[in-house]
C-alpha atoms as a PDB file:
ATOM      1  CA  MET A   1      -4.915 -67.476 -34.548  1.00  0.00           C
ATOM      2  CA  LYS A   2      -3.529 -67.135 -31.050  1.00  0.00           C
ATOM      3  CA  LYS A   3      -0.797 -64.979 -32.487  1.00  0.00           C
ATOM      4  CA  ILE A   4      -3.301 -62.616 -34.119  1.00  0.00           C
ATOM      5  CA  SER A   5      -5.415 -62.312 -30.978  1.00  0.00           C
ATOM      6  CA  PHE A   6      -2.260 -61.680 -28.915  1.00  0.00           C
ATOM      7  CA  ILE A   7      -1.176 -58.939 -31.350  1.00  0.00           C
ATOM      8  CA  SER A   8      -4.687 -57.494 -31.295  1.00  0.00           C
ATOM      9  CA  ALA A   9      -4.749 -57.490 -27.515  1.00  0.00           C
ATOM     10  CA  PHE A  10      -1.264 -55.995 -27.354  1.00  0.00           C
ATOM     11  CA  SER A  11      -2.282 -53.308 -29.873  1.00  0.00           C
ATOM     12  CA  LEU A  12      -5.327 -52.444 -27.808  1.00  0.00           C
ATOM     13  CA  VAL A  13      -3.196 -52.124 -24.693  1.00  0.00           C
ATOM     14  CA  LEU A  14      -0.757 -49.888 -26.545  1.00  0.00           C
ATOM     15  CA  LEU A  15      -3.570 -47.744 -27.934  1.00  0.00           C
ATOM     16  CA  ALA A  16      -5.078 -47.456 -24.497  1.00  0.00           C
ATOM     17  CA  GLY A  17      -1.668 -46.415 -23.186  1.00  0.00           C
ATOM     18  CA  CYS A  18      -1.325 -43.801 -25.917  1.00  0.00           C
ATOM     19  CA  SER A  19      -4.524 -42.151 -24.831  1.00  0.00           C
ATOM     20  CA  THR A  20      -3.030 -40.915 -21.567  1.00  0.00           C
ATOM     21  CA  THR A  21      -2.939 -37.190 -20.867  1.00  0.00           C
ATOM     22  CA  PRO A  22      -0.329 -35.180 -18.963  1.00  0.00           C
ATOM     23  CA  GLU A  23      -2.750 -34.936 -16.029  1.00  0.00           C
ATOM     24  CA  GLN A  24      -2.975 -38.716 -15.847  1.00  0.00           C
ATOM     25  CA  CYS A  25       0.807 -38.997 -15.939  1.00  0.00           C
ATOM     26  CA  ASP A  26       1.344 -37.836 -12.406  1.00  0.00           C
ATOM     27  CA  PRO A  27       4.382 -39.666 -10.963  1.00  0.00           C
ATOM     28  CA  LYS A  28       2.574 -39.801  -7.618  1.00  0.00           C
ATOM     29  CA  ASN A  29      -0.327 -41.692  -9.174  1.00  0.00           C
ATOM     30  CA  THR A  30       0.135 -45.327  -8.193  1.00  0.00           C
ATOM     31  CA  ASN A  31      -3.189 -46.440  -9.659  1.00  0.00           C
ATOM     32  CA  ILE A  32      -2.087 -46.478 -13.297  1.00  0.00           C
ATOM     33  CA  GLY A  33      -0.848 -49.636 -14.941  1.00  0.00           C
ATOM     34  CA  ILE A  34       2.547 -50.444 -16.380  1.00  0.00           C
ATOM     35  CA  MET A  35       1.358 -49.794 -19.922  1.00  0.00           C
ATOM     36  CA  ASP A  36       0.081 -46.352 -18.947  1.00  0.00           C
ATOM     37  CA  LYS A  37       3.423 -45.583 -17.329  1.00  0.00           C
ATOM     38  CA  ILE A  38       5.269 -46.684 -20.454  1.00  0.00           C
ATOM     39  CA  SER A  39       2.876 -44.607 -22.535  1.00  0.00           C
ATOM     40  CA  CYS A  40       3.462 -41.578 -20.294  1.00  0.00           C
ATOM     41  CA  ASN A  41       7.198 -41.977 -20.663  1.00  0.00           C
ATOM     42  CA  TYR A  42       7.353 -42.471 -24.436  1.00  0.00           C
ATOM     43  CA  SER A  43       4.528 -40.140 -25.432  1.00  0.00           C
ATOM     44  CA  GLY A  44       6.219 -37.203 -23.729  1.00  0.00           C
ATOM     45  CA  ASN A  45       3.376 -36.685 -21.269  1.00  0.00           C
ATOM     46  CA  TYR A  46       5.745 -36.786 -18.294  1.00  0.00           C
ATOM     47  CA  GLN A  47       7.780 -34.008 -19.885  1.00  0.00           C
ATOM     48  CA  ALA A  48       4.609 -32.103 -20.794  1.00  0.00           C
ATOM     49  CA  ARG A  49       3.529 -32.326 -17.169  1.00  0.00           C
ATOM     50  CA  ILE A  50       6.949 -31.115 -16.019  1.00  0.00           C
ATOM     51  CA  ASP A  51       6.793 -28.202 -18.472  1.00  0.00           C
ATOM     52  CA  GLN A  52       3.273 -27.374 -17.318  1.00  0.00           C
ATOM     53  CA  LYS A  53       4.343 -27.334 -13.661  1.00  0.00           C
ATOM     54  CA  LYS A  54       7.386 -25.188 -14.519  1.00  0.00           C
ATOM     55  CA  GLN A  55       5.125 -22.679 -16.272  1.00  0.00           C
ATOM     56  CA  ILE A  56       2.811 -22.557 -13.260  1.00  0.00           C
ATOM     57  CA  LEU A  57       5.817 -22.042 -10.979  1.00  0.00           C
ATOM     58  CA  GLU A  58       7.182 -19.218 -13.159  1.00  0.00           C
ATOM     59  CA  ASN A  59       3.765 -17.532 -13.206  1.00  0.00           C
ATOM     60  CA  GLU A  60       3.521 -17.781  -9.434  1.00  0.00           C
ATOM     61  CA  GLN A  61       7.048 -16.404  -9.021  1.00  0.00           C
ATOM     62  CA  ARG A  62       6.170 -13.444 -11.277  1.00  0.00           C
ATOM     63  CA  ALA A  63       2.997 -12.815  -9.294  1.00  0.00           C
ATOM     64  CA  ASN A  64       4.996 -13.056  -6.060  1.00  0.00           C
ATOM     65  CA  GLN A  65       7.508 -10.510  -7.373  1.00  0.00           C
ATOM     66  CA  GLN A  66       4.674  -8.149  -8.328  1.00  0.00           C
ATOM     67  CA  PHE A  67       3.191  -8.488  -4.852  1.00  0.00           C
ATOM     68  CA  LYS A  68       6.581  -7.716  -3.335  1.00  0.00           C
ATOM     69  CA  GLU A  69       6.853  -4.576  -5.485  1.00  0.00           C
ATOM     70  CA  ILE A  70       3.345  -3.494  -4.520  1.00  0.00           C
ATOM     71  CA  TYR A  71       4.137  -4.096  -0.855  1.00  0.00           C
ATOM     72  CA  ALA A  72       7.347  -2.063  -1.178  1.00  0.00           C
ATOM     73  CA  ASN A  73       5.388   0.790  -2.772  1.00  0.00           C
ATOM     74  CA  ILE A  74       2.799   0.688  -0.003  1.00  0.00           C
ATOM     75  CA  GLU A  75       5.539   0.756   2.635  1.00  0.00           C
ATOM     76  CA  LYS A  76       7.195   3.701   0.883  1.00  0.00           C
ATOM     77  CA  GLN A  77       3.897   5.599   0.745  1.00  0.00           C
ATOM     78  CA  LYS A  78       3.282   4.800   4.391  1.00  0.00           C
ATOM     79  CA  ASN A  79       6.714   6.145   5.325  1.00  0.00           C
ATOM     80  CA  ASP A  80       6.180   9.222   3.159  1.00  0.00           C
ATOM     81  CA  THR A  81       2.823   9.829   4.816  1.00  0.00           C
ATOM     82  CA  THR A  82       4.330   9.457   8.261  1.00  0.00           C
ATOM     83  CA  LEU A  83       7.067  11.891   7.304  1.00  0.00           C
ATOM     84  CA  SER A  84       4.491  14.283   5.884  1.00  0.00           C
ATOM     85  CA  VAL A  85       2.437  14.121   9.085  1.00  0.00           C
ATOM     86  CA  LYS A  86       5.551  14.832  11.153  1.00  0.00           C
ATOM     87  CA  GLN A  87       6.413  17.753   8.873  1.00  0.00           C
ATOM     88  CA  LYS A  88       2.871  19.125   9.226  1.00  0.00           C
ATOM     89  CA  GLN A  89       3.067  18.779  12.997  1.00  0.00           C
ATOM     90  CA  ALA A  90       6.403  20.581  13.043  1.00  0.00           C
ATOM     91  CA  GLN A  91       4.932  23.312  10.824  1.00  0.00           C
ATOM     92  CA  GLN A  92       1.939  23.634  13.103  1.00  0.00           C
ATOM     93  CA  GLN A  93       4.155  23.807  16.187  1.00  0.00           C
ATOM     94  CA  LYS A  94       6.245  26.549  14.568  1.00  0.00           C
ATOM     95  CA  LEU A  95       3.075  28.446  13.656  1.00  0.00           C
ATOM     96  CA  LYS A  96       1.872  28.173  17.257  1.00  0.00           C
ATOM     97  CA  GLN A  97       5.195  29.541  18.509  1.00  0.00           C
ATOM     98  CA  ASP A  98       5.071  32.356  15.961  1.00  0.00           C
ATOM     99  CA  LEU A  99       1.507  33.208  16.977  1.00  0.00           C
ATOM    100  CA  SER A 100       2.428  33.295  20.660  1.00  0.00           C
ATOM    101  CA  LYS A 101       5.459  35.473  19.975  1.00  0.00           C
ATOM    102  CA  LEU A 102       3.510  37.814  17.710  1.00  0.00           C
ATOM    103  CA  THR A 103       0.668  38.056  20.233  1.00  0.00           C
ATOM    104  CA  SER A 104       3.084  39.014  23.001  1.00  0.00           C
ATOM    105  CA  GLU A 105       4.783  41.530  20.764  1.00  0.00           C
ATOM    106  CA  ILE A 106       1.504  43.150  19.725  1.00  0.00           C
ATOM    107  CA  LYS A 107       0.285  43.302  23.324  1.00  0.00           C
ATOM    108  CA  ALA A 108       3.460  45.083  24.328  1.00  0.00           C
ATOM    109  CA  LYS A 109       3.132  47.621  21.495  1.00  0.00           C
ATOM    110  CA  ALA A 110      -0.638  48.083  21.911  1.00  0.00           C
ATOM    111  CA  LYS A 111      -0.538  49.171  25.552  1.00  0.00           C
ATOM    112  CA  GLY A 112      -2.940  52.000  26.050  1.00  0.00           C
ATOM    113  CA  ARG A 113      -4.997  51.085  22.978  1.00  0.00           C
ATOM    114  CA  ASP A 114      -7.925  49.134  24.327  1.00  0.00           C
ATOM    115  CA  ASP A 115      -9.425  48.429  20.912  1.00  0.00           C
ATOM    116  CA  LEU A 116      -6.276  46.646  19.727  1.00  0.00           C
ATOM    117  CA  LEU A 117      -5.815  44.825  23.032  1.00  0.00           C
ATOM    118  CA  LYS A 118      -9.408  43.582  22.793  1.00  0.00           C
ATOM    119  CA  GLN A 119      -8.721  42.260  19.277  1.00  0.00           C
ATOM    120  CA  VAL A 120      -5.538  40.548  20.469  1.00  0.00           C
ATOM    121  CA  ASN A 121      -7.385  38.977  23.407  1.00  0.00           C
ATOM    122  CA  ASP A 122     -10.119  37.759  21.055  1.00  0.00           C
ATOM    123  CA  ILE A 123      -7.481  36.208  18.805  1.00  0.00           C
ATOM    124  CA  GLU A 124      -5.856  34.551  21.845  1.00  0.00           C
ATOM    125  CA  GLN A 125      -9.197  33.066  22.895  1.00  0.00           C
ATOM    126  CA  GLN A 126      -9.766  31.745  19.380  1.00  0.00           C
ATOM    127  CA  TYR A 127      -6.229  30.354  19.407  1.00  0.00           C
ATOM    128  CA  ASN A 128      -6.915  28.484  22.669  1.00  0.00           C
ATOM    129  CA  GLN A 129     -10.219  27.159  21.308  1.00  0.00           C
ATOM    130  CA  VAL A 130      -8.492  25.853  18.180  1.00  0.00           C
ATOM    131  CA  ASN A 131      -5.841  24.071  20.261  1.00  0.00           C
ATOM    132  CA  LYS A 132      -8.456  22.477  22.528  1.00  0.00           C
ATOM    133  CA  SER A 133     -10.812  21.491  19.697  1.00  0.00           C
ATOM    134  CA  SER A 134     -11.133  17.970  18.361  1.00  0.00           C
ATOM    135  CA  LYS A 135     -10.747  19.110  14.776  1.00  0.00           C
ATOM    136  CA  SER A 136      -8.296  17.417  12.455  1.00  0.00           C
ATOM    137  CA  GLU A 137      -4.764  18.713  12.162  1.00  0.00           C
ATOM    138  CA  VAL A 138      -5.521  20.147   8.721  1.00  0.00           C
ATOM    139  CA  GLU A 139      -8.549  22.065  10.012  1.00  0.00           C
ATOM    140  CA  LYS A 140      -6.503  23.366  12.939  1.00  0.00           C
ATOM    141  CA  GLN A 141      -3.779  24.447  10.527  1.00  0.00           C
ATOM    142  CA  VAL A 142      -6.310  26.448   8.466  1.00  0.00           C
ATOM    143  CA  GLU A 143      -7.726  28.119  11.591  1.00  0.00           C
ATOM    144  CA  LEU A 144      -4.257  28.971  12.884  1.00  0.00           C
ATOM    145  CA  ASP A 145      -3.336  30.454   9.500  1.00  0.00           C
ATOM    146  CA  LYS A 146      -6.427  32.697   9.683  1.00  0.00           C
ATOM    147  CA  LEU A 147      -5.489  33.814  13.177  1.00  0.00           C
ATOM    148  CA  ASN A 148      -1.940  34.472  12.023  1.00  0.00           C
ATOM    149  CA  LYS A 149      -3.245  36.724   9.228  1.00  0.00           C
ATOM    150  CA  LYS A 150      -5.384  38.664  11.712  1.00  0.00           C
ATOM    151  CA  LEU A 151      -2.356  39.178  13.933  1.00  0.00           C
ATOM    152  CA  GLN A 152      -0.281  40.319  10.967  1.00  0.00           C
ATOM    153  CA  GLN A 153      -2.958  42.896  10.123  1.00  0.00           C
ATOM    154  CA  LEU A 154      -2.828  44.162  13.685  1.00  0.00           C
ATOM    155  CA  GLN A 155       0.945  44.236  13.436  1.00  0.00           C
ATOM    156  CA  LYS A 156       0.711  46.405  10.316  1.00  0.00           C
ATOM    157  CA  ALA A 157      -1.798  48.678  12.066  1.00  0.00           C
ATOM    158  CA  LEU A 158       0.752  49.222  14.840  1.00  0.00           C
ATOM    159  CA  ASN A 159       3.647  49.588  12.367  1.00  0.00           C
ATOM    160  CA  ILE A 160       5.684  46.870  14.090  1.00  0.00           C
END
């Protein structure tokens, strides 16, 4: 009878040990009994936990790689934007130089023609207002382009 009760008790302990899950089979967990540890080892729950942690690590590494790619793309766009802004500023500076040169040239050719000189002076005033304004670079560029077209029309009128 003692033998049967011992086997019954041992069977219950083994069954209780078989009911462990991979989450319970944490090697850091010191609160589980020897039977649970044996159950974790032989049921494959330790390996299942290792596989689960490996999968989580791989997912995190993939996510990290995606974030690195996104960051690289953002940096590239930032550099492209900076380059574009510098190109626009260089374009605007060239346009300003061209406008100044064209204005001087038209003034020299329009001597004696007060109507043309008045138009050139008006364009110069508008040019100075655009440069002093707090408008964005794009808005300034549009205004300077308009002034450039006006000067080109005057240039054509003078046959320069």
